[in-house]
Protein backbone atom coordinates (compact mmCIF):
# COMPACT_ATOMS: atom_id res chain seq x y z
CA MET A 1 42.45 150.95 151.67
CA LYS A 2 43.39 154.44 150.55
CA ALA A 3 42.01 157.15 148.23
CA ILE A 4 44.10 158.19 145.25
CA PHE A 5 43.84 160.82 142.53
CA THR A 6 45.88 162.21 139.63
CA LEU A 7 45.58 165.55 137.85
CA GLU A 8 48.20 165.82 135.07
CA ASN A 9 48.76 168.79 132.78
CA GLY A 10 50.26 168.58 129.30
CA PHE A 11 51.87 171.40 127.33
CA GLU A 12 53.77 171.88 124.08
CA LEU A 13 57.55 172.03 124.54
CA ASN A 14 58.01 174.47 121.64
CA ASN A 15 55.63 177.22 122.80
CA GLY A 16 54.25 176.31 126.23
CA LYS A 17 50.65 176.11 125.00
CA LEU A 18 48.27 173.64 126.66
CA ALA A 19 48.13 170.35 124.80
CA GLN A 20 45.18 167.88 124.57
CA GLY A 21 42.85 170.48 123.08
CA GLY A 22 43.66 173.16 125.62
CA ASP A 23 42.35 171.28 128.66
CA GLU A 24 44.24 172.12 131.85
CA PHE A 25 44.43 168.51 132.98
CA GLY A 26 44.21 166.88 129.59
CA ARG A 27 46.77 164.13 130.14
CA GLN A 28 45.13 162.43 133.09
CA ALA A 29 42.33 163.26 135.52
CA PHE A 30 41.01 160.44 137.71
CA VAL A 31 40.15 159.40 141.26
CA GLY A 32 39.98 155.98 142.87
CA LEU A 33 40.48 153.58 145.73
CA SER A 34 43.52 151.31 146.17
CA SER A 35 44.15 148.29 148.36
CA GLU A 36 47.19 145.99 148.42
CA ARG A 37 44.86 143.03 149.04
CA VAL A 38 42.03 143.62 146.51
CA GLY A 39 43.58 145.94 143.91
CA THR A 40 42.87 149.41 142.54
CA VAL A 41 39.76 150.96 140.96
CA THR A 42 39.95 154.35 139.25
CA LEU A 43 37.42 156.51 137.38
CA GLY A 44 37.97 159.39 134.95
CA ARG A 45 40.25 160.21 132.04
CA GLN A 46 43.05 157.68 131.98
CA TYR A 47 45.22 155.31 129.96
CA ASP A 48 44.22 151.79 129.02
CA PRO A 49 46.20 148.51 129.53
CA VAL A 50 47.88 148.81 126.11
CA VAL A 51 49.62 151.95 127.36
CA ASP A 52 50.12 150.78 130.96
CA TYR A 53 51.52 147.35 130.18
CA VAL A 54 52.91 147.08 126.62
CA GLY A 55 53.74 150.73 125.91
CA ILE A 56 56.44 150.77 128.60
CA TYR A 57 58.57 148.48 126.39
CA GLU A 58 58.62 150.90 123.44
CA PHE A 59 62.03 152.55 122.98
CA GLY A 60 60.35 155.95 122.67
CA ASP A 61 59.07 155.59 126.24
CA SER A 62 62.54 155.15 127.69
CA ASN A 63 64.74 158.03 128.83
CA LEU A 64 66.82 157.51 125.67
CA GLY A 65 64.25 157.64 122.89
CA SER A 66 62.15 160.83 123.27
CA ASP A 67 58.77 161.24 121.55
CA HIS A 68 60.43 161.24 118.10
CA ALA A 69 61.25 157.54 118.59
CA ALA A 70 57.54 156.65 118.86
CA HIS A 71 56.15 154.28 116.26
CA PRO A 72 54.98 156.06 113.07
CA GLY A 73 51.64 157.69 113.73
CA ASP A 74 51.64 156.19 117.23
CA LEU A 75 48.93 153.91 115.82
CA ASP A 76 49.21 151.46 118.72
CA ASN A 77 49.24 154.31 121.30
CA PHE A 78 52.42 152.99 122.91
CA ASN A 79 53.54 156.59 123.24
CA PHE A 80 50.38 157.42 125.22
CA THR A 81 49.03 159.97 122.71
CA ARG A 82 45.38 159.13 123.53
CA ARG A 83 43.32 158.59 126.70
CA GLN A 84 39.96 157.06 127.53
CA ASN A 85 37.30 159.46 128.83
CA ASN A 86 34.50 158.49 131.23
CA SER A 87 36.32 155.26 132.04
CA VAL A 88 36.48 152.88 134.97
CA LYS A 89 39.65 150.79 135.38
CA TYR A 90 40.55 147.91 137.67
CA GLN A 91 44.10 146.70 138.35
CA SER A 92 44.61 143.52 140.34
CA PRO A 93 47.20 142.94 143.03
CA THR A 94 50.38 141.27 141.79
CA TYR A 95 50.45 137.50 142.30
CA ASP A 96 53.75 135.70 141.63
CA GLY A 97 54.77 138.50 139.25
CA LEU A 98 51.45 138.58 137.35
CA THR A 99 49.21 141.66 137.27
CA LEU A 100 45.90 141.96 135.40
CA GLU A 101 44.06 145.11 134.29
CA GLY A 102 40.75 145.93 132.61
CA LEU A 103 39.09 149.17 131.50
CA TYR A 104 35.66 150.16 130.22
CA SER A 105 34.89 153.61 128.82
CA PHE A 106 31.27 154.74 128.64
CA GLY A 107 30.47 156.47 125.40
CA GLY A 108 29.10 159.61 127.01
CA VAL A 109 26.13 159.83 124.63
CA PRO A 110 22.85 160.66 126.44
CA GLY A 111 20.46 157.72 126.37
CA SER A 112 23.02 155.19 125.13
CA LEU A 113 25.87 153.91 127.31
CA ALA A 114 27.24 151.73 124.51
CA THR A 115 27.53 154.36 121.78
CA ASN A 116 31.21 155.33 121.35
CA GLN A 117 32.19 152.80 124.01
CA ALA A 118 35.68 151.39 124.49
CA TYR A 119 37.07 148.46 126.42
CA SER A 120 40.53 147.09 127.04
CA PHE A 121 42.29 144.43 129.07
CA GLY A 122 45.85 143.25 129.59
CA ALA A 123 48.34 141.23 131.62
CA HIS A 124 51.84 142.02 132.81
CA PHE A 125 54.37 139.50 134.15
CA THR A 126 57.79 140.09 135.73
CA ASN A 127 60.28 137.59 137.03
CA GLY A 128 63.76 138.88 137.85
CA PRO A 129 65.33 140.20 134.61
CA LEU A 130 62.31 139.22 132.47
CA GLY A 131 59.26 141.37 131.74
CA LEU A 132 56.37 140.39 129.43
CA ALA A 133 53.04 142.03 128.57
CA LEU A 134 49.94 141.36 126.46
CA ALA A 135 47.01 143.74 125.89
CA TYR A 136 43.92 144.29 123.76
CA SER A 137 41.89 147.45 123.09
CA HIS A 138 38.64 148.03 121.18
CA VAL A 139 37.05 151.43 120.44
CA ASP A 140 33.76 152.23 118.70
CA ASN A 141 33.60 155.34 116.51
CA PRO A 142 37.25 156.23 117.20
CA ALA A 143 37.21 159.56 115.37
CA ALA A 144 34.90 160.91 118.07
CA SER A 145 35.54 158.80 121.13
CA LEU A 146 39.34 158.39 121.14
CA PHE A 147 41.29 160.42 118.61
CA GLY A 148 39.80 163.85 119.33
CA SER A 149 42.27 165.91 121.39
CA ASN A 150 39.38 167.64 123.19
CA PRO A 151 38.69 166.05 126.61
CA THR A 152 35.02 165.60 125.56
CA ASP A 153 33.95 163.19 122.83
CA THR A 154 34.04 165.89 120.14
CA PRO A 155 36.48 165.10 117.31
CA MET A 156 39.15 167.72 116.68
CA SER A 157 41.01 168.56 113.49
CA ASN A 158 44.27 167.33 114.95
CA GLY A 159 42.81 164.00 115.99
CA LEU A 160 42.26 161.08 113.62
CA THR A 161 42.82 163.32 110.55
CA ALA A 162 46.25 164.48 111.73
CA SER A 163 48.57 162.14 109.81
CA PRO A 164 48.37 160.70 106.26
CA ILE A 165 49.52 157.41 107.77
CA TYR A 166 45.92 156.84 108.90
CA SER A 167 43.86 159.97 108.11
CA GLY A 168 42.14 158.23 105.16
CA TYR A 169 40.54 155.85 107.65
CA ALA A 170 38.81 158.57 109.70
CA THR A 171 35.36 157.09 108.98
CA ALA A 172 36.21 153.70 110.51
CA ARG A 173 33.45 152.39 112.75
CA THR A 174 35.85 150.53 115.07
CA TYR A 175 39.52 150.58 116.03
CA GLN A 176 41.36 147.78 117.75
CA VAL A 177 44.90 147.01 118.94
CA ILE A 178 46.42 143.66 119.81
CA ALA A 179 49.81 144.21 121.42
CA ALA A 180 52.68 142.32 123.03
CA GLY A 181 56.02 143.40 124.40
CA GLY A 182 58.83 142.46 126.70
CA SER A 183 62.43 142.96 127.80
CA TYR A 184 65.30 141.04 129.32
CA VAL A 185 68.17 142.45 131.34
CA PHE A 186 71.66 141.02 130.75
CA GLY A 187 73.82 142.83 133.29
CA LYS A 188 74.23 146.35 131.91
CA VAL A 189 72.29 145.55 128.70
CA VAL A 190 68.49 145.62 128.23
CA MET A 191 67.06 143.95 125.14
CA GLY A 192 63.47 144.87 124.25
CA ALA A 193 60.84 144.00 121.64
CA THR A 194 57.27 144.96 120.84
CA TYR A 195 54.62 143.87 118.34
CA SER A 196 51.24 145.32 117.59
CA ASN A 197 48.42 144.71 115.11
CA ILE A 198 46.18 147.74 114.53
CA ARG A 199 42.89 147.49 112.64
CA TYR A 200 40.48 150.19 111.40
CA SER A 201 37.30 148.27 110.58
CA ASN A 202 34.24 149.09 108.46
CA ILE A 203 35.60 152.29 106.92
CA ALA A 204 32.49 154.03 105.59
CA ALA A 205 34.34 156.10 102.97
CA LEU A 206 35.94 152.94 101.53
CA ALA A 207 32.87 150.68 101.13
CA GLU A 208 33.18 149.26 104.66
CA SER A 209 36.69 147.93 103.98
CA SER A 210 39.22 147.41 106.78
CA ALA A 211 42.81 148.59 107.13
CA ASP A 212 45.43 146.61 109.01
CA PHE A 213 48.84 147.71 110.27
CA ASN A 214 51.54 145.46 111.68
CA ASP A 215 54.28 147.08 113.73
CA ALA A 216 57.43 145.48 115.16
CA GLU A 217 60.32 146.98 117.15
CA LEU A 218 63.65 145.71 118.44
CA SER A 219 65.70 147.79 120.87
CA VAL A 220 68.86 147.65 122.95
CA GLN A 221 69.99 149.84 125.83
CA TYR A 222 73.39 149.85 127.49
CA ARG A 223 74.27 151.56 130.79
CA PHE A 224 78.05 151.77 130.64
CA THR A 225 78.37 153.79 133.88
CA PRO A 226 75.82 154.54 136.63
CA ASP A 227 75.10 157.96 135.06
CA TRP A 228 75.69 157.36 131.34
CA SER A 229 73.52 155.22 129.06
CA LEU A 230 72.88 154.86 125.34
CA GLY A 231 70.50 152.91 123.17
CA ALA A 232 69.03 152.33 119.72
CA ALA A 233 65.95 150.82 118.13
CA TYR A 234 64.67 149.68 114.76
CA ASN A 235 60.95 149.87 113.97
CA PHE A 236 59.08 148.48 110.98
CA LEU A 237 55.47 149.34 110.18
CA LYS A 238 53.52 147.84 107.27
CA SER A 239 49.95 148.53 106.18
CA ASN A 240 47.79 146.26 104.05
CA THR A 241 46.50 147.26 100.62
CA VAL A 242 42.91 148.42 101.20
CA THR A 243 42.12 149.26 97.57
CA GLN A 244 44.16 149.30 94.36
CA THR A 245 45.45 152.82 95.18
CA ILE A 246 45.14 153.05 98.97
CA GLY A 247 47.42 151.44 101.53
CA GLY A 248 50.41 149.15 101.27
CA ALA A 249 52.94 151.61 102.75
CA LYS A 250 56.07 150.42 104.58
CA TYR A 251 57.78 152.59 107.19
CA ASN A 252 61.35 151.92 108.35
CA GLN A 253 62.63 153.92 111.34
CA ILE A 254 65.91 153.95 113.27
CA SER A 255 66.12 155.79 116.62
CA ALA A 256 69.01 156.38 118.99
CA GLY A 257 69.69 158.26 122.21
CA LEU A 258 72.39 159.15 124.75
CA ASN A 259 71.55 160.09 128.35
CA HIS A 260 73.59 161.54 131.22
CA ALA A 261 72.07 161.66 134.71
CA LEU A 262 73.10 164.76 136.65
CA SER A 263 71.16 163.61 139.71
CA LYS A 264 68.30 161.23 140.59
CA ARG A 265 65.78 163.70 139.18
CA THR A 266 67.68 165.63 136.49
CA ASP A 267 69.30 164.40 133.26
CA VAL A 268 70.49 165.76 129.91
CA TYR A 269 69.95 163.82 126.72
CA VAL A 270 70.40 163.82 122.98
CA SER A 271 68.15 161.74 120.71
CA ALA A 272 67.71 161.27 116.98
CA ALA A 273 65.39 159.47 114.57
CA TRP A 274 65.48 158.73 110.86
CA GLN A 275 62.57 157.40 108.82
CA THR A 276 62.15 156.24 105.22
CA VAL A 277 58.92 155.15 103.50
CA SER A 278 57.72 153.29 100.43
CA GLY A 279 54.29 152.52 98.94
CA ASP A 280 51.00 154.45 99.14
CA ASP A 281 49.42 155.86 102.31
CA SER A 282 45.84 155.96 103.57
CA THR A 283 44.96 158.92 101.37
CA GLY A 284 45.88 157.17 98.10
CA HIS A 285 49.01 159.27 97.57
CA ALA A 286 52.65 158.25 97.60
CA ALA A 287 53.48 157.78 101.28
CA VAL A 288 55.68 160.43 102.91
CA ALA A 289 57.78 160.15 106.05
CA ASN A 290 56.12 161.36 109.25
CA ILE A 291 58.16 161.11 112.44
CA ALA A 292 56.14 161.49 115.64
CA ASP A 293 55.60 165.11 116.80
CA LEU A 294 56.64 166.47 113.41
CA SER A 295 54.66 167.64 110.38
CA PRO A 296 54.68 165.17 107.49
CA SER A 297 57.69 165.41 105.21
CA SER A 298 57.35 166.52 101.59
CA ASN A 299 59.09 163.30 100.49
CA ARG A 300 59.83 159.78 101.60
CA HIS A 301 62.61 160.65 104.06
CA GLN A 302 62.73 162.56 107.33
CA ALA A 303 65.27 162.99 110.16
CA VAL A 304 65.28 164.84 113.47
CA ALA A 305 67.63 165.37 116.41
CA ARG A 306 66.87 166.77 119.87
CA LEU A 307 69.08 168.01 122.73
CA GLY A 308 67.33 168.60 126.04
CA ILE A 309 67.37 168.67 129.81
CA ARG A 310 64.72 166.98 131.93
CA HIS A 311 63.78 167.43 135.59
CA LYS A 312 61.31 165.15 137.36
CA PHE A 313 59.20 166.68 140.15
């Protein structure tokens, strides 16, 4: 048995400002106990099983994709945009390649543990070149309890109302994600796939209607030398039609990246993403492209490229 803790800071690459609402350790802040025999229990601000298990198979989470390759709006949170406050998480030991995880987040409302609560569970299986994951997440009152960038439960203007992909659903009473992903290694080639269903339920501003999104991604990565690798991914996101004028948008995105490892901890990379959109978004307007970490486009197309260097401490 050993004690563990994590304090992780996040900052904006463009200007160095603190991210996550200005909190010094806004990415992660938790403590816990870990045992190889009985598993690990942690408490604090942390990621749920959707991020831990399925998110790792998203192309944007690889060293080739960068944040711009995240799924539109990061609705499924595969790109770990959001964390669970006041949460307790248990991860089991690995048995024959299978690991289980569960999380419960207390709402933080005085006198009511269940108000603004969240819970999540998932499973991850590995066997040689094969990796598979399933996860589920449910959040009550997501505008306050999950999407706010402030580390407390106070909603922020750049939370659920940040993107027209989903900002029209800010009054949803619940948010849930059902997710699956996996990869298979063929020598120097890694093939990956993810699927997620995202639902905003009982949207007060839309007569208690619900909005559904279905997201699918296929990716391939190729390491042609020990220090050079490249990859690409195609992502498709479709929303249902909530009313006659709201919803029904389709987002097509292609991402690619090239990486060169200078050492075990330092690499240089170039990445790019291109997105095109059709239909109407959550606000009832003609949908516009909105690549992750960028402001929404003024039209249905958007493209971005990034050149960077990365050092891991």
